Protein backbone atom coordinates (compact mmCIF):
# COMPACT_ATOMS: atom_id res chain seq x y z
CA MET A 1 -24.62 53.32 52.94
CA SER A 2 -27.56 52.45 50.51
CA ARG A 3 -27.17 50.12 47.68
CA VAL A 4 -27.30 52.73 44.84
CA ARG A 5 -24.43 54.49 46.26
CA ARG A 6 -22.10 51.27 46.78
CA ILE A 7 -22.79 50.60 43.23
CA LEU A 8 -22.11 53.86 41.93
CA GLN A 9 -18.79 53.98 43.90
CA ALA A 10 -17.86 50.60 42.57
CA PHE A 11 -18.26 52.10 39.20
CA VAL A 12 -16.38 55.10 39.81
CA LEU A 13 -13.43 52.84 41.03
CA ILE A 14 -13.71 50.60 38.17
CA PHE A 15 -13.17 53.56 35.71
CA TYR A 16 -10.53 55.05 37.89
CA LEU A 17 -8.40 51.40 37.71
CA ALA A 18 -9.13 51.25 34.07
CA ALA A 19 -8.10 54.75 33.39
CA SER A 20 -5.07 54.23 35.44
CA ALA A 21 -4.37 50.91 33.42
CA HIS A 22 -4.23 52.91 30.14
CA ALA A 23 -1.90 55.63 31.47
CA ALA A 24 1.71 56.08 29.99
CA THR A 25 5.21 57.32 30.48
CA LEU A 26 6.29 59.29 27.69
CA ASP A 27 10.03 60.22 27.91
CA VAL A 28 10.95 63.84 26.13
CA GLN A 29 14.74 64.70 25.25
CA ALA A 30 16.05 68.35 25.29
CA ASN A 31 15.89 68.65 21.57
CA GLU A 32 12.09 67.67 21.22
CA ASN A 33 9.04 70.10 21.40
CA LEU A 34 7.94 69.91 24.88
CA GLN A 35 4.65 71.44 23.79
CA ALA A 36 4.05 69.07 21.09
CA ALA A 37 4.88 66.25 23.53
CA ILE A 38 2.38 67.33 26.19
CA ASN A 39 -0.29 67.61 23.39
CA LYS A 40 0.40 63.84 22.72
CA ALA A 41 -0.49 62.75 25.99
CA ALA A 42 -3.67 61.24 27.44
CA PRO A 43 -5.21 61.79 30.78
CA GLY A 44 -3.27 60.20 33.78
CA ASP A 45 -0.12 59.99 31.69
CA ILE A 46 3.01 60.46 33.18
CA VAL A 47 5.46 63.07 30.84
CA VAL A 48 9.56 62.64 32.46
CA LEU A 49 11.76 65.26 31.06
CA ALA A 50 15.60 64.61 30.60
CA PRO A 51 18.12 66.87 31.79
CA GLY A 52 18.28 69.63 29.72
CA ILE A 53 16.57 73.05 28.64
CA TYR A 54 12.78 73.06 27.49
CA HIS A 55 11.35 76.59 26.38
CA GLY A 56 8.17 78.12 27.64
CA GLU A 57 5.47 78.63 27.39
CA ILE A 58 4.04 75.57 28.12
CA LEU A 59 0.29 75.27 28.39
CA ILE A 60 -1.27 71.88 30.17
CA ALA A 61 -4.59 71.38 29.41
CA ILE A 62 -4.95 67.20 30.12
CA SER A 63 -6.27 66.53 33.60
CA ARG A 64 -4.15 64.12 35.88
CA LEU A 65 -1.53 64.54 33.93
CA THR A 66 1.74 64.57 35.58
CA LEU A 67 5.01 66.90 34.36
CA CYS A 68 8.11 65.45 36.13
CA GLY A 69 12.03 65.59 35.43
CA LYS A 70 15.14 63.98 36.04
CA LYS A 71 18.09 66.18 37.90
CA GLY A 72 18.97 69.23 35.34
CA ALA A 73 15.64 69.21 33.61
CA ILE A 74 15.10 73.05 33.33
CA ILE A 75 11.77 74.89 31.84
CA ASP A 76 12.87 78.08 30.84
CA GLY A 77 10.27 80.84 30.26
CA ASN A 78 12.93 83.11 28.35
CA ASP A 79 11.52 86.24 29.91
CA VAL A 80 7.55 86.10 28.63
CA GLY A 81 4.66 85.21 30.48
CA HIS A 82 3.92 81.99 31.82
CA ALA A 83 6.54 79.35 31.63
CA VAL A 84 3.99 76.64 32.48
CA THR A 85 -0.03 77.31 32.57
CA LEU A 86 -2.01 74.74 33.95
CA ALA A 87 -5.98 74.67 32.99
CA ALA A 88 -7.22 71.42 33.66
CA PRO A 89 -7.74 69.25 36.97
CA ASP A 90 -5.45 67.13 39.11
CA ILE A 91 -2.03 68.09 37.25
CA THR A 92 0.85 67.49 39.34
CA VAL A 93 4.50 69.32 38.42
CA ARG A 94 7.48 67.46 40.48
CA GLY A 95 10.98 67.51 40.06
CA LEU A 96 12.06 70.55 37.88
CA ILE A 97 13.64 74.03 37.58
CA VAL A 98 11.36 76.70 36.43
CA ARG A 99 13.02 79.95 35.64
CA ASN A 100 12.75 83.66 33.81
CA SER A 101 8.89 84.04 33.45
CA GLY A 102 8.10 87.08 32.09
CA ARG A 103 8.37 90.07 34.62
CA ASP A 104 4.88 91.90 34.66
CA ILE A 105 3.85 91.26 37.80
CA LEU A 106 0.27 92.84 36.93
CA ALA A 107 -0.13 90.37 33.96
CA LYS A 108 0.25 87.78 36.68
CA ASP A 109 3.67 86.38 34.82
CA ALA A 110 4.64 83.39 36.71
CA GLY A 111 6.86 80.49 36.64
CA VAL A 112 3.57 78.21 37.27
CA PHE A 113 0.03 79.64 36.35
CA ILE A 114 -2.56 77.97 37.94
CA GLY A 115 -6.16 79.00 37.13
CA GLN A 116 -9.44 78.16 37.87
CA GLU A 117 -9.58 75.01 35.59
CA ALA A 118 -6.89 73.27 37.73
CA ARG A 119 -8.30 71.82 40.58
CA GLY A 120 -6.16 69.83 42.62
CA ALA A 121 -3.03 70.69 41.24
CA LYS A 122 0.00 69.79 43.12
CA ILE A 123 3.42 71.52 42.75
CA THR A 124 6.40 69.54 44.65
CA ASP A 125 9.83 69.08 44.79
CA ASN A 126 10.75 71.94 42.39
CA GLN A 127 13.18 75.02 42.21
CA PHE A 128 11.60 78.45 41.02
CA VAL A 129 14.38 81.01 40.15
CA ASP A 130 14.25 84.44 38.56
CA ASN A 131 10.36 84.37 37.96
CA ALA A 132 8.29 87.33 38.56
CA VAL A 133 5.70 85.04 40.33
CA GLY A 134 7.05 81.37 41.36
CA VAL A 135 3.61 80.28 41.62
CA PHE A 136 0.33 82.02 41.09
CA LEU A 137 -2.75 80.70 42.45
CA ASP A 138 -5.84 82.54 40.27
CA ASN A 139 -9.06 81.61 41.90
CA ALA A 140 -8.02 78.18 42.49
CA SER A 141 -9.01 75.38 45.01
CA ALA A 142 -7.45 72.48 46.52
CA ILE A 143 -4.07 73.07 45.38
CA LEU A 144 -0.69 71.54 47.22
CA VAL A 145 2.66 73.41 47.20
CA GLN A 146 4.92 71.52 49.01
CA HIS A 147 9.08 71.23 49.06
CA ASN A 148 9.87 73.61 46.65
CA LEU A 149 12.39 76.53 46.44
CA PHE A 150 11.65 79.83 45.56
CA GLU A 151 14.30 82.18 44.99
CA GLY A 152 13.39 85.97 43.43
CA LEU A 153 14.76 88.16 40.96
CA GLN A 154 17.87 89.59 42.72
CA LYS A 155 19.01 91.46 39.86
CA LEU A 156 16.07 93.91 40.46
CA ARG A 157 15.24 96.05 43.69
CA MET A 158 12.85 94.66 46.07
CA SER A 159 9.79 96.42 45.12
CA GLU A 160 9.88 95.33 41.87
CA ARG A 161 10.02 91.87 42.25
CA GLY A 162 6.88 89.83 43.10
CA PRO A 163 6.35 87.27 45.78
CA GLY A 164 7.23 83.41 45.82
CA ILE A 165 3.67 82.27 45.79
CA ALA A 166 0.84 84.63 44.96
CA VAL A 167 -2.75 83.62 46.18
CA TYR A 168 -5.72 84.99 44.66
CA GLY A 169 -9.47 83.97 44.81
CA THR A 170 -8.34 80.98 46.02
CA ARG A 171 -9.66 78.49 48.65
CA GLU A 172 -8.45 75.28 50.74
CA ALA A 173 -4.85 75.58 49.41
CA ARG A 174 -1.81 74.13 51.19
CA ILE A 175 1.20 75.47 51.40
CA LEU A 176 3.90 73.15 53.14
CA ASP A 177 7.35 72.90 53.92
CA ASN A 178 9.02 75.21 51.35
CA ASP A 179 11.98 77.86 51.25
CA PHE A 180 11.56 81.27 50.30
CA ARG A 181 14.65 83.86 49.80
CA TYR A 182 15.15 86.99 48.10
CA GLY A 183 11.51 87.98 46.43
CA ARG A 184 9.32 90.67 47.84
CA ASP A 185 7.00 88.28 50.13
CA GLY A 186 7.45 84.66 50.45
CA ILE A 187 3.39 84.02 50.66
CA PHE A 188 0.88 87.07 49.52
CA ALA A 189 -3.00 85.96 49.71
CA VAL A 190 -5.36 88.43 48.80
CA THR A 191 -9.12 87.75 48.79
CA SER A 192 -8.64 83.92 50.04
CA ALA A 193 -9.94 81.79 52.56
CA ASN A 194 -9.39 78.26 54.12
CA LEU A 195 -5.57 78.04 53.73
CA THR A 196 -3.04 76.24 55.20
CA ILE A 197 0.62 77.51 55.31
CA GLY A 198 3.03 75.68 57.72
CA GLU A 199 6.72 74.19 57.87
CA ASN A 200 8.11 76.87 55.80
CA ARG A 201 11.15 78.78 55.68
CA PHE A 202 11.54 82.38 54.79
CA ARG A 203 14.86 84.54 54.46
CA ASP A 204 15.68 88.15 52.98
CA LEU A 205 11.87 88.99 52.07
CA ARG A 206 9.96 91.67 52.70
CA PHE A 207 7.25 90.17 54.38
CA ALA A 208 7.43 86.62 55.11
CA VAL A 209 3.42 85.84 54.94
CA HIS A 210 1.17 88.37 53.99
CA PHE A 211 -2.24 88.26 54.45
CA MET A 212 -4.94 90.81 53.07
CA TYR A 213 -8.59 90.34 53.18
CA SER A 214 -8.29 86.38 53.63
CA ASN A 215 -10.00 84.68 56.55
CA ALA A 216 -10.55 81.07 58.07
CA SER A 217 -6.84 80.33 57.48
CA ILE A 218 -4.03 78.41 59.71
CA VAL A 219 -0.49 79.89 59.66
CA PHE A 220 1.46 77.15 61.89
CA GLU A 221 5.65 76.28 62.44
CA ASN A 222 6.78 78.68 59.83
CA GLU A 223 10.68 80.22 60.48
CA SER A 224 11.15 83.79 59.47
CA VAL A 225 14.71 85.01 59.93
CA ARG A 226 15.97 88.62 58.65
CA ASN A 227 12.96 89.77 56.82
CA ASP A 228 11.47 93.16 57.12
CA ILE A 229 8.26 91.92 58.65
CA GLY A 230 7.60 88.72 59.69
CA TYR A 231 3.75 87.88 59.79
CA ALA A 232 1.70 90.67 58.25
CA MET A 233 -1.93 89.88 58.71
CA MET A 234 -4.50 92.73 57.27
CA TYR A 235 -7.95 92.96 57.05
CA SER A 236 -8.11 89.53 57.71
CA ASP A 237 -10.42 87.61 60.42
CA HIS A 238 -10.72 84.28 62.15
CA LEU A 239 -7.25 83.50 61.75
CA GLU A 240 -4.92 81.03 63.58
CA LEU A 241 -0.92 81.44 63.88
CA ARG A 242 0.51 79.08 66.14
CA ASP A 243 3.84 77.70 66.84
CA ASN A 244 5.69 80.34 64.14
CA VAL A 245 9.27 82.18 64.54
CA SER A 246 10.35 85.47 64.09
CA ASP A 247 14.27 85.66 64.37
CA ASN A 248 15.42 88.84 63.96
CA ASP A 249 13.21 90.25 61.44
CA ARG A 250 13.81 93.97 61.30
CA GLU A 251 10.70 96.06 61.72
CA HIS A 252 7.79 93.72 63.02
CA GLY A 253 7.90 90.05 64.00
CA MET A 254 3.87 90.02 63.73
CA LEU A 255 1.70 93.14 62.47
CA PHE A 256 -2.20 92.89 62.96
CA ASN A 257 -3.77 95.65 61.20
CA TYR A 258 -7.64 95.29 60.83
CA ALA A 259 -7.32 91.77 61.85
CA ASN A 260 -9.99 90.33 64.01
CA TYR A 261 -11.08 87.10 65.93
CA SER A 262 -8.17 85.33 65.69
CA ASN A 263 -5.99 82.98 67.82
CA VAL A 264 -2.08 83.90 68.25
CA ALA A 265 -0.52 80.92 70.60
CA ASN A 266 2.74 79.91 71.09
CA ASN A 267 4.79 82.28 68.67
CA VAL A 268 8.09 83.52 69.39
CA VAL A 269 9.57 86.73 68.22
CA ILE A 270 13.04 87.60 68.88
CA GLY A 271 14.77 90.86 68.36
CA SER A 272 12.70 92.85 66.10
CA ASP A 273 12.12 96.90 65.98
CA LYS A 274 8.42 95.66 67.35
CA CYS A 275 7.86 92.01 68.52
CA VAL A 276 3.80 92.80 67.70
CA PHE A 277 2.23 95.68 66.36
CA ILE A 278 -1.66 95.78 66.76
CA TYR A 279 -3.63 98.47 65.23
CA ASN A 280 -7.07 98.67 65.09
CA ALA A 281 -7.29 94.70 65.78
CA ASN A 282 -10.08 93.67 67.67
CA LYS A 283 -11.21 90.51 69.60
CA ASN A 284 -8.19 88.44 69.22
CA ARG A 285 -6.33 86.39 72.00
CA PHE A 286 -2.73 86.33 72.23
CA VAL A 287 -1.69 83.45 74.79
CA GLY A 288 1.70 81.71 75.15
CA ASN A 289 4.04 83.85 72.84
CA TRP A 290 7.50 84.73 73.43
CA PHE A 291 8.81 88.21 73.25
CA GLU A 292 12.21 88.68 73.70
CA ARG A 293 14.73 91.71 72.74
CA CYS A 294 12.65 93.93 70.51
CA GLY A 295 12.79 97.66 70.95
CA ILE A 296 8.71 97.01 71.82
CA GLY A 297 7.14 93.92 73.28
CA ILE A 298 3.96 95.07 72.07
CA HIS A 299 2.56 98.54 70.24
CA PHE A 300 -0.93 98.75 71.41
CA THR A 301 -2.74 101.47 69.34
CA ALA A 302 -5.78 102.55 67.36
CA GLY A 303 -8.51 101.92 69.13
CA SER A 304 -7.88 98.09 69.39
CA GLU A 305 -10.76 96.55 71.48
CA GLY A 306 -11.79 93.43 73.25
CA ASN A 307 -8.13 91.71 72.85
CA SER A 308 -7.06 89.15 75.35
CA ILE A 309 -3.45 89.01 76.07
CA ALA A 310 -2.39 86.39 78.99
CA GLY A 311 0.28 83.88 79.28
CA ASN A 312 2.99 85.34 77.01
CA ALA A 313 6.30 86.24 78.24
CA PHE A 314 8.12 89.50 77.55
CA ILE A 315 11.78 89.31 77.90
CA GLU A 316 14.38 92.11 77.87
CA ASN A 317 12.75 94.64 75.79
CA ARG A 318 13.55 97.90 75.78
CA ASN A 319 10.02 98.48 76.17
CA GLN A 320 7.92 95.74 76.98
CA VAL A 321 4.46 97.67 76.19
CA LYS A 322 3.81 100.88 74.15
CA TYR A 323 0.19 102.03 74.80
CA VAL A 324 -0.94 105.32 74.34
CA GLY A 325 -4.38 105.97 75.55
CA THR A 326 -6.50 106.63 78.88
CA ARG A 327 -8.33 103.32 78.86
CA TYR A 328 -7.03 100.58 81.53
CA LEU A 329 -6.56 97.38 80.15
CA ASP A 330 -6.20 94.41 82.42
CA TRP A 331 -3.84 91.97 80.43
CA SER A 332 -4.58 88.78 82.40
CA GLU A 333 -7.20 86.06 82.39
CA ASN A 334 -8.52 84.01 84.84
CA GLY A 335 -6.30 84.91 87.82
CA ARG A 336 -3.04 84.51 85.45
CA GLY A 337 -1.24 86.88 83.53
CA ASN A 338 1.91 87.06 81.45
CA TYR A 339 5.67 87.07 82.65
CA TRP A 340 7.86 90.17 82.53
CA SER A 341 11.46 89.94 82.82
CA ASP A 342 11.79 93.38 84.46
CA ASN A 343 9.10 92.90 87.24
CA PRO A 344 11.22 92.50 90.31
CA ALA A 345 8.03 90.87 92.06
CA PHE A 346 7.48 88.54 95.08
CA ASP A 347 4.93 85.65 95.68
CA LEU A 348 4.49 85.42 99.55
CA HIS A 349 1.92 82.41 98.78
CA GLY A 350 3.67 80.30 96.30
CA ARG A 351 1.00 80.22 93.79
CA GLY A 352 3.25 81.03 90.62
CA VAL A 353 1.38 84.55 90.46
CA ALA A 354 2.98 87.85 92.02
CA ASP A 355 1.42 89.82 94.79
CA THR A 356 1.58 93.10 92.62
CA ALA A 357 0.03 94.27 89.53
CA TYR A 358 2.72 94.88 87.13
CA ARG A 359 2.44 98.19 84.93
CA PRO A 360 4.31 98.58 82.17
CA ASN A 361 3.92 102.21 81.33
CA ASP A 362 3.79 105.23 83.56
CA ILE A 363 3.10 108.97 82.92
CA VAL A 364 6.66 109.71 82.03
CA ASP A 365 6.31 107.16 79.14
CA GLN A 366 3.27 109.02 77.83
CA VAL A 367 4.87 112.47 78.00
CA VAL A 368 7.56 111.25 75.77
CA TRP A 369 5.48 109.33 73.17
CA ARG A 370 3.74 112.50 72.70
CA ALA A 371 6.74 114.66 73.25
CA PRO A 372 9.89 113.00 71.96
CA ALA A 373 11.58 116.44 72.72
CA ALA A 374 10.95 115.56 76.74
CA LYS A 375 13.40 112.65 76.20
CA LEU A 376 16.08 115.36 77.47
CA LEU A 377 14.55 115.92 80.77
CA LEU A 378 14.64 111.70 81.45
CA ASN A 379 17.60 112.36 84.15
CA SER A 380 16.06 115.57 85.60
CA PRO A 381 15.10 115.57 89.58
CA ALA A 382 11.21 116.80 88.62
CA VAL A 383 11.01 113.39 86.62
CA GLU A 384 12.30 111.28 89.42
CA VAL A 385 9.64 113.06 91.74
CA LEU A 386 6.82 112.55 89.34
CA ARG A 387 7.82 108.79 89.09
CA TRP A 388 7.88 108.38 92.95
CA ALA A 389 4.58 110.50 93.07
CA GLN A 390 2.96 107.84 90.84
CA THR A 391 4.15 104.96 93.28
CA ALA A 392 2.79 106.63 96.51
CA PHE A 393 -0.26 107.47 94.83
CA PRO A 394 -1.49 105.17 92.14
CA ALA A 395 -4.40 107.54 91.25
CA LEU A 396 -1.90 109.57 89.41
CA HIS A 397 -1.73 106.74 86.79
CA PRO A 398 -3.24 107.96 83.07
CA GLY A 399 -4.72 104.89 82.37
CA GLY A 400 -3.01 102.06 80.37
CA VAL A 401 -2.06 98.48 80.59
CA ILE A 402 -2.19 96.86 83.97
CA ASP A 403 -1.37 93.21 84.73
CA SER A 404 -3.20 92.03 87.89
CA ALA A 405 -1.95 88.73 88.25
CA PRO A 406 1.91 88.87 86.22
CA LEU A 407 3.29 85.44 86.29
CA MET A 408 6.43 84.49 88.34
CA ALA A 409 8.47 82.61 85.37
CA PRO A 410 7.90 82.30 81.73
CA VAL A 411 6.71 79.37 80.17
CA ARG A 412 8.48 78.15 76.81
CA PRO A 413 6.68 77.54 73.81
CA PRO A 414 7.93 74.44 71.76
CA ALA A 415 9.02 76.60 68.88
CA LEU A 416 11.96 77.96 71.37
CA ALA A 417 13.37 74.52 70.97
CA ARG A 418 13.59 75.10 67.24
CA LEU A 419 15.84 77.66 67.92
CA ASP A 420 18.17 76.54 70.09
CA ARG A 421 18.59 73.36 67.87
CA ALA A 422 19.53 76.25 64.65
CA SER A 423 21.65 78.09 66.92
CA GLU A 424 23.82 74.72 67.92
CA ALA A 425 23.94 74.15 64.34
CA GLY A 426 25.14 77.81 63.23
CA GLU A 427 22.13 78.72 61.37
CA ARG A 428 20.87 81.61 63.28
CA PRO A 429 21.65 84.86 62.07
């Protein structure tokens, strides 16, 4: 390190310590004007709210200010605009109940609105109740949202509610260990990048995590329970989804629509209509995932190409795979494929890999998918003869998915242990 750089760092440290030495703690009572009290604060001060109700709309334009509350401190937006707006760097909002923002989602009404000027804001240990949007990140950066509760406007229909957290044009935000309920989406990210979304819990929403045009982000160790869709990745590239749980989400556990170059590893999906829906999503890698008791394990369609699908477990899905196409797709990698619970295979060589390939679909499946009325013929002798013919003459197969090296036993991802603990505690649906 150069001598000049060391001197500059010393000056910065001295300035920071001097500023901290002058920081004050300002106590505010419920009968005081909160905006006036904040306006009297200096950078680095701590404003502490006594229990009671404080009325928005509050603007914080002082850097490094901390706004926190004792138990029972409430900021009420009175159904107008933003309850709190942050417009300076490094502001912290902690320990408050923030409720009743305006209800105009198009106007970005929110419990806490964080604009471009509020780089480095920290939103921790709060409760956001009955807001159009709990926290709105608008072209912000380096934001932390952690240990908060988000409850949407239950008096409105789900389509009229906003998300718990809206992320627009934002980079390097961390959203960690929050609880989301009753909104439209838990987290909705648009045209953003470098997001870290982890260890959150989502219930009774439309989508738990919803990405649109948001790239290079990590979604890890989240739990989605009883939502319409767990993880919806749309028009987004270079994502990492790992160790997440989708537990009885109604439509899809995971959805990939025009999402490319992503790594999807060690996730657990149980009890959805479709564990995974892949629509025109290319060059993704699915490995180590657990797909159980869904109507369809993977629905794979619309020209998706270059995807690697190996090392996964398909457990008791009504249809393990739905793929309507004529190409042959080998779902194995380096001599190891996936585990299929309905595969009556043998391993005479003791390698942990079945001696014969596995095909999840046949020509009858293809006919039924294209002409649903053909289900009436499934018990007819003609269908049985056709299935026998395919077994005797493999060339009759119409293309589709083949696993040339199916596994003899599934590998349990660590996320299953979280579900086991939730079942023992009676917390699963």
